[in-house]
N, C-alpha and C. Protein backbone atom coordinates (compact mmCIF):
# COMPACT_ATOMS: atom_id res chain seq x y z
N MET A 1 -5.25 18.45 4.94
CA MET A 1 -3.66 18.92 5.52
C MET A 1 -3.36 18.38 3.74
N SER A 2 -2.76 19.41 2.69
CA SER A 2 -2.04 19.27 2.31
C SER A 2 -0.61 18.96 2.01
N THR A 3 -0.27 17.84 2.17
CA THR A 3 1.59 17.50 2.20
C THR A 3 2.86 18.00 0.98
N GLN A 4 3.68 17.66 1.09
CA GLN A 4 4.89 17.54 0.25
C GLN A 4 5.05 16.41 0.49
N LEU A 5 4.23 15.30 0.39
CA LEU A 5 4.18 13.76 0.10
C LEU A 5 3.45 13.41 -0.85
N PRO A 6 3.86 12.73 -2.11
CA PRO A 6 3.33 12.60 -2.78
C PRO A 6 1.19 12.15 -2.41
N LYS A 7 0.38 12.69 -3.53
CA LYS A 7 -0.57 11.97 -3.04
C LYS A 7 -0.75 10.78 -3.49
N VAL A 8 -1.73 9.69 -2.84
CA VAL A 8 -1.65 8.80 -3.17
C VAL A 8 -3.13 8.18 -3.47
N LEU A 9 -3.49 7.46 -4.67
CA LEU A 9 -4.70 7.22 -5.68
C LEU A 9 -4.62 5.45 -5.20
N ILE A 10 -5.56 5.27 -4.63
CA ILE A 10 -5.87 3.43 -4.37
C ILE A 10 -6.94 3.20 -4.76
N THR A 11 -6.63 2.03 -5.47
CA THR A 11 -7.86 1.55 -6.27
C THR A 11 -8.46 0.46 -4.83
N GLY A 12 -9.30 -0.27 -4.98
CA GLY A 12 -10.00 -1.50 -4.15
C GLY A 12 -9.70 -0.93 -2.87
N ALA A 13 -9.98 0.06 -2.52
CA ALA A 13 -9.81 0.84 -1.02
C ALA A 13 -10.73 0.69 -0.37
N SER A 14 -11.68 0.23 -0.54
CA SER A 14 -12.92 -0.10 0.79
C SER A 14 -12.53 -1.42 1.58
N SER A 15 -11.96 -2.57 0.99
CA SER A 15 -12.03 -3.70 2.07
C SER A 15 -10.65 -4.07 2.08
N GLY A 16 -10.01 -5.01 2.67
CA GLY A 16 -8.78 -5.66 2.32
C GLY A 16 -7.21 -4.94 2.95
N ILE A 17 -6.15 -5.76 1.92
CA ILE A 17 -5.36 -4.73 1.69
C ILE A 17 -5.29 -3.71 1.10
N GLY A 18 -6.42 -2.93 0.27
CA GLY A 18 -6.06 -2.07 -0.04
C GLY A 18 -6.69 -0.42 1.50
N ALA A 19 -7.78 -1.55 1.87
CA ALA A 19 -8.02 -0.84 3.03
C ALA A 19 -6.57 -0.32 3.99
N THR A 20 -5.69 -1.46 4.25
CA THR A 20 -4.76 -1.93 5.10
C THR A 20 -3.74 -0.50 4.37
N TYR A 21 -3.34 -0.25 2.94
CA TYR A 21 -2.79 0.61 2.51
C TYR A 21 -2.94 1.45 2.37
N ALA A 22 -4.06 2.27 2.38
CA ALA A 22 -5.19 3.68 2.82
C ALA A 22 -4.81 3.96 4.26
N ASP A 23 -4.92 3.09 5.14
CA ASP A 23 -4.44 3.17 6.45
C ASP A 23 -3.08 4.16 6.62
N ARG A 24 -1.67 2.76 6.32
CA ARG A 24 -0.67 3.05 6.49
C ARG A 24 0.09 4.29 5.99
N PHE A 25 -0.46 4.89 4.14
CA PHE A 25 -0.03 5.91 4.02
C PHE A 25 -1.09 6.80 4.46
N ALA A 26 -1.87 7.55 5.04
CA ALA A 26 -2.30 8.11 6.16
C ALA A 26 -2.07 8.52 7.47
N ARG A 27 -1.32 7.61 7.59
CA ARG A 27 -0.79 7.58 8.74
C ARG A 27 0.68 8.18 8.75
N ARG A 28 1.18 8.02 7.42
CA ARG A 28 2.77 8.09 7.01
C ARG A 28 2.68 9.93 6.74
N GLY A 29 1.23 10.75 6.27
CA GLY A 29 1.68 11.81 6.12
C GLY A 29 0.70 12.25 4.40
N HIS A 30 0.36 11.35 4.11
CA HIS A 30 0.26 10.86 2.00
C HIS A 30 -1.20 12.33 2.43
N ASP A 31 -1.60 12.97 1.32
CA ASP A 31 -2.89 13.12 1.04
C ASP A 31 -3.65 11.43 0.31
N LEU A 32 -4.87 11.03 0.09
CA LEU A 32 -5.16 10.17 -0.59
C LEU A 32 -6.81 10.45 -1.13
N VAL A 33 -6.76 9.23 -2.30
CA VAL A 33 -8.12 9.58 -3.47
C VAL A 33 -8.55 7.56 -3.41
N LEU A 34 -8.87 7.87 -2.79
CA LEU A 34 -9.69 6.34 -1.95
C LEU A 34 -10.05 6.09 -3.78
N VAL A 35 -10.51 4.65 -4.27
CA VAL A 35 -11.31 4.61 -5.38
C VAL A 35 -11.47 2.71 -4.82
N ALA A 36 -13.48 3.14 -5.35
CA ALA A 36 -13.96 1.63 -5.20
C ALA A 36 -15.23 1.40 -5.36
N ARG A 37 -15.75 0.29 -5.61
CA ARG A 37 -17.51 -0.23 -6.09
C ARG A 37 -18.10 0.40 -4.64
N ASP A 38 -17.36 0.30 -3.35
CA ASP A 38 -18.83 -0.15 -1.92
C ASP A 38 -18.53 1.85 -1.32
N GLU A 39 -19.16 2.51 -1.58
CA GLU A 39 -18.73 4.11 -1.25
C GLU A 39 -19.04 3.92 0.16
N THR A 40 -20.00 3.04 1.19
CA THR A 40 -20.66 3.30 2.43
C THR A 40 -19.36 2.70 2.90
N ARG A 41 -18.70 1.76 2.35
CA ARG A 41 -17.36 1.43 3.57
C ARG A 41 -16.40 2.35 3.23
N MET A 42 -15.99 2.80 1.60
CA MET A 42 -14.86 3.67 1.52
C MET A 42 -15.19 5.09 2.36
N ARG A 43 -16.16 5.63 2.31
CA ARG A 43 -16.83 6.31 3.27
C ARG A 43 -16.56 6.47 4.79
N MET A 44 -16.50 5.56 5.29
CA MET A 44 -16.40 4.77 6.56
C MET A 44 -14.93 4.83 7.03
N LEU A 45 -14.17 4.43 5.76
CA LEU A 45 -12.81 4.04 6.13
C LEU A 45 -12.06 5.76 6.12
N ALA A 46 -12.74 6.40 5.21
CA ALA A 46 -12.21 8.07 5.17
C ALA A 46 -12.45 8.88 6.36
N GLU A 47 -13.57 8.34 7.18
CA GLU A 47 -13.59 9.41 8.08
C GLU A 47 -12.80 8.94 9.31
N ARG A 48 -12.34 7.41 9.63
CA ARG A 48 -11.82 6.60 10.72
C ARG A 48 -10.78 7.00 9.97
N LEU A 49 -9.51 7.69 9.16
CA LEU A 49 -8.43 8.22 8.57
C LEU A 49 -8.64 9.55 8.86
N GLN A 50 -9.28 10.29 8.67
CA GLN A 50 -9.44 11.86 9.08
C GLN A 50 -9.44 11.89 10.29
N GLN A 51 -9.97 11.13 11.42
CA GLN A 51 -10.38 11.46 12.20
C GLN A 51 -9.02 10.77 12.99
N GLY A 52 -7.83 9.80 12.87
CA GLY A 52 -6.73 9.68 12.84
C GLY A 52 -5.76 10.40 12.55
N THR A 53 -5.89 10.83 12.02
CA THR A 53 -5.06 11.47 10.77
C THR A 53 -4.77 13.21 10.38
N ARG A 54 -4.11 13.53 9.88
CA ARG A 54 -4.29 15.09 9.18
C ARG A 54 -4.63 14.94 7.31
N ALA A 55 -4.66 13.72 6.96
CA ALA A 55 -4.28 13.57 5.49
C ALA A 55 -5.46 14.33 5.29
N ALA A 56 -5.73 14.99 3.66
CA ALA A 56 -6.39 15.42 3.18
C ALA A 56 -7.71 13.57 2.00
N ILE A 57 -8.68 13.47 2.17
CA ILE A 57 -8.59 12.40 1.65
C ILE A 57 -10.25 12.91 0.40
N GLN A 58 -9.95 11.63 -0.47
CA GLN A 58 -11.04 12.25 -1.34
C GLN A 58 -11.36 10.63 -1.77
N VAL A 59 -13.02 10.45 -1.89
CA VAL A 59 -13.22 9.37 -2.23
C VAL A 59 -14.10 9.58 -3.43
N LEU A 60 -14.06 8.08 -4.30
CA LEU A 60 -14.70 8.28 -5.62
C LEU A 60 -14.88 6.89 -5.94
N LYS A 61 -16.09 6.80 -5.75
CA LYS A 61 -17.04 5.43 -6.31
C LYS A 61 -17.00 5.25 -7.59
N ALA A 62 -16.28 3.63 -8.23
CA ALA A 62 -16.21 3.42 -9.22
C ALA A 62 -15.72 2.39 -9.53
N ASP A 63 -16.50 1.47 -10.02
CA ASP A 63 -16.04 -0.06 -10.82
C ASP A 63 -14.86 0.09 -12.10
N LEU A 64 -14.30 -0.28 -11.58
CA LEU A 64 -12.69 -0.13 -12.63
C LEU A 64 -13.22 -1.46 -13.93
N THR A 65 -13.82 -2.06 -13.54
CA THR A 65 -14.94 -2.59 -15.03
C THR A 65 -15.47 -1.94 -16.20
N SER A 66 -16.19 -0.96 -15.96
CA SER A 66 -16.60 0.20 -16.63
C SER A 66 -15.61 1.21 -17.25
N PRO A 67 -15.89 1.07 -18.63
CA PRO A 67 -15.20 1.82 -19.11
C PRO A 67 -15.02 3.27 -18.96
N ALA A 68 -16.45 3.66 -18.90
CA ALA A 68 -16.20 5.31 -17.94
C ALA A 68 -15.91 5.57 -16.88
N ASN A 69 -16.00 5.06 -15.97
CA ASN A 69 -15.61 4.15 -14.36
C ASN A 69 -13.99 4.78 -14.70
N LEU A 70 -12.93 3.95 -15.06
CA LEU A 70 -11.78 3.21 -15.27
C LEU A 70 -11.12 5.10 -16.32
N ALA A 71 -11.71 5.96 -17.20
CA ALA A 71 -11.30 6.92 -17.84
C ALA A 71 -11.37 8.28 -16.72
N ARG A 72 -12.53 8.17 -15.97
CA ARG A 72 -12.42 8.80 -14.69
C ARG A 72 -11.28 8.72 -13.81
N VAL A 73 -11.33 7.37 -13.24
CA VAL A 73 -9.82 7.35 -12.19
C VAL A 73 -8.83 7.86 -13.54
N GLU A 74 -8.81 7.04 -14.19
CA GLU A 74 -7.10 7.83 -15.08
C GLU A 74 -7.51 9.15 -15.47
N ALA A 75 -8.44 10.04 -15.58
CA ALA A 75 -8.29 11.72 -15.31
C ALA A 75 -7.77 12.25 -14.20
N LEU A 76 -8.39 11.61 -12.86
CA LEU A 76 -8.29 11.96 -11.91
C LEU A 76 -6.63 11.54 -11.41
N ALA A 77 -5.89 10.48 -11.98
CA ALA A 77 -4.49 9.82 -11.18
C ALA A 77 -3.98 11.08 -12.43
N ARG A 78 -3.96 11.42 -13.62
CA ARG A 78 -3.51 11.77 -14.47
C ARG A 78 -3.29 13.67 -13.99
N GLU A 79 -4.23 14.05 -13.10
CA GLU A 79 -4.81 15.71 -12.72
C GLU A 79 -3.71 15.97 -11.49
N ALA A 80 -3.97 14.19 -11.12
CA ALA A 80 -2.85 14.68 -9.58
C ALA A 80 -1.91 14.88 -9.94
N PHE A 81 -1.12 13.59 -10.65
CA PHE A 81 0.21 14.01 -11.39
C PHE A 81 1.07 15.64 -11.69
N GLU A 82 -0.12 15.68 -12.55
CA GLU A 82 0.25 17.22 -13.09
C GLU A 82 0.28 18.10 -12.09
N ALA A 83 -0.43 18.24 -11.46
CA ALA A 83 -0.81 19.18 -9.91
C ALA A 83 0.44 18.97 -9.41
N ALA A 84 0.66 17.56 -8.96
CA ALA A 84 2.24 17.92 -7.70
C ALA A 84 3.20 17.27 -8.40
N ARG A 85 3.18 16.71 -9.88
CA ARG A 85 4.45 15.83 -10.53
C ARG A 85 4.87 15.03 -9.84
N ARG A 86 4.23 14.25 -8.47
CA ARG A 86 4.00 13.36 -8.41
C ARG A 86 3.52 12.70 -7.84
N ALA A 87 2.98 11.54 -7.53
CA ALA A 87 1.92 10.54 -7.30
C ALA A 87 2.18 9.10 -7.28
N MET A 88 0.98 8.76 -6.35
CA MET A 88 1.45 7.21 -6.81
C MET A 88 0.11 6.67 -6.81
N LEU A 89 0.24 5.31 -7.19
CA LEU A 89 -1.15 4.32 -7.53
C LEU A 89 -0.74 2.99 -7.37
N PRO A 90 -1.32 2.59 -6.42
CA PRO A 90 -1.63 1.37 -5.39
C PRO A 90 -2.96 0.53 -6.02
N ASN A 91 -3.05 -0.18 -6.85
CA ASN A 91 -4.33 -0.78 -6.91
C ASN A 91 -5.01 -2.21 -6.41
N PHE A 92 -5.32 -2.53 -5.88
CA PHE A 92 -5.95 -3.64 -5.28
C PHE A 92 -7.21 -3.79 -5.51
N ALA A 93 -7.79 -3.27 -7.43
CA ALA A 93 -8.92 -3.83 -7.41
C ALA A 93 -8.75 -5.14 -7.46
N ASN A 94 -9.96 -5.82 -7.87
CA ASN A 94 -10.13 -7.05 -8.08
C ASN A 94 -9.66 -7.44 -9.26
N ALA A 95 -8.47 -7.87 -9.25
CA ALA A 95 -7.70 -8.25 -10.03
C ALA A 95 -8.51 -9.11 -11.52
N HIS A 96 -9.00 -10.25 -10.64
CA HIS A 96 -9.43 -11.18 -11.73
C HIS A 96 -10.79 -10.34 -12.48
N ALA A 97 -11.44 -9.06 -12.16
CA ALA A 97 -12.32 -8.35 -12.91
C ALA A 97 -11.45 -7.52 -14.13
N ALA A 98 -9.94 -7.38 -13.84
CA ALA A 98 -9.75 -6.35 -14.49
C ALA A 98 -8.69 -7.06 -15.80
N GLU A 99 -8.60 -7.98 -15.50
CA GLU A 99 -8.18 -9.70 -16.33
C GLU A 99 -9.57 -9.46 -17.40
N ARG A 100 -10.57 -10.04 -16.49
CA ARG A 100 -11.84 -9.86 -17.89
C ARG A 100 -12.23 -8.86 -18.67
N TYR A 101 -12.41 -7.88 -18.05
CA TYR A 101 -12.22 -6.29 -18.93
C TYR A 101 -11.31 -6.34 -19.68
N SER A 102 -9.90 -6.29 -19.89
CA SER A 102 -8.84 -6.59 -20.58
C SER A 102 -8.92 -8.05 -21.45
N GLN A 103 -9.56 -8.78 -21.28
CA GLN A 103 -10.11 -9.77 -22.92
C GLN A 103 -10.87 -9.57 -23.11
N ALA A 104 -11.60 -8.70 -22.56
CA ALA A 104 -12.90 -8.52 -23.62
C ALA A 104 -12.95 -7.02 -24.78
N GLN A 105 -11.70 -6.54 -24.33
CA GLN A 105 -11.34 -5.44 -24.97
C GLN A 105 -10.67 -6.25 -26.44
N ARG A 106 -9.80 -7.25 -26.61
CA ARG A 106 -9.63 -8.15 -27.75
C ARG A 106 -10.03 -7.55 -28.69
């Protein structure tokens, strides 16, 4: 279901707070893009949410410590924003890994 609400791209969506926010946004009527390393858990979450809501849910397996995967997610976020002129990006991916990646790039 395509809604008038912003599409929400959630990183770290396969478990924990990312999965909780995915559930909350889907129940409020937002379409979702779920991003995480664990594709199996993410797909299980997507199936459960699609059964309980009418949200359109896209799944993207990506390890954000990889520059190539980070670029894919950035392109997807940019595309979502340009298509709808509104999008949200809650980031719940492993903060320690992101910090290590940031330091390695210096």
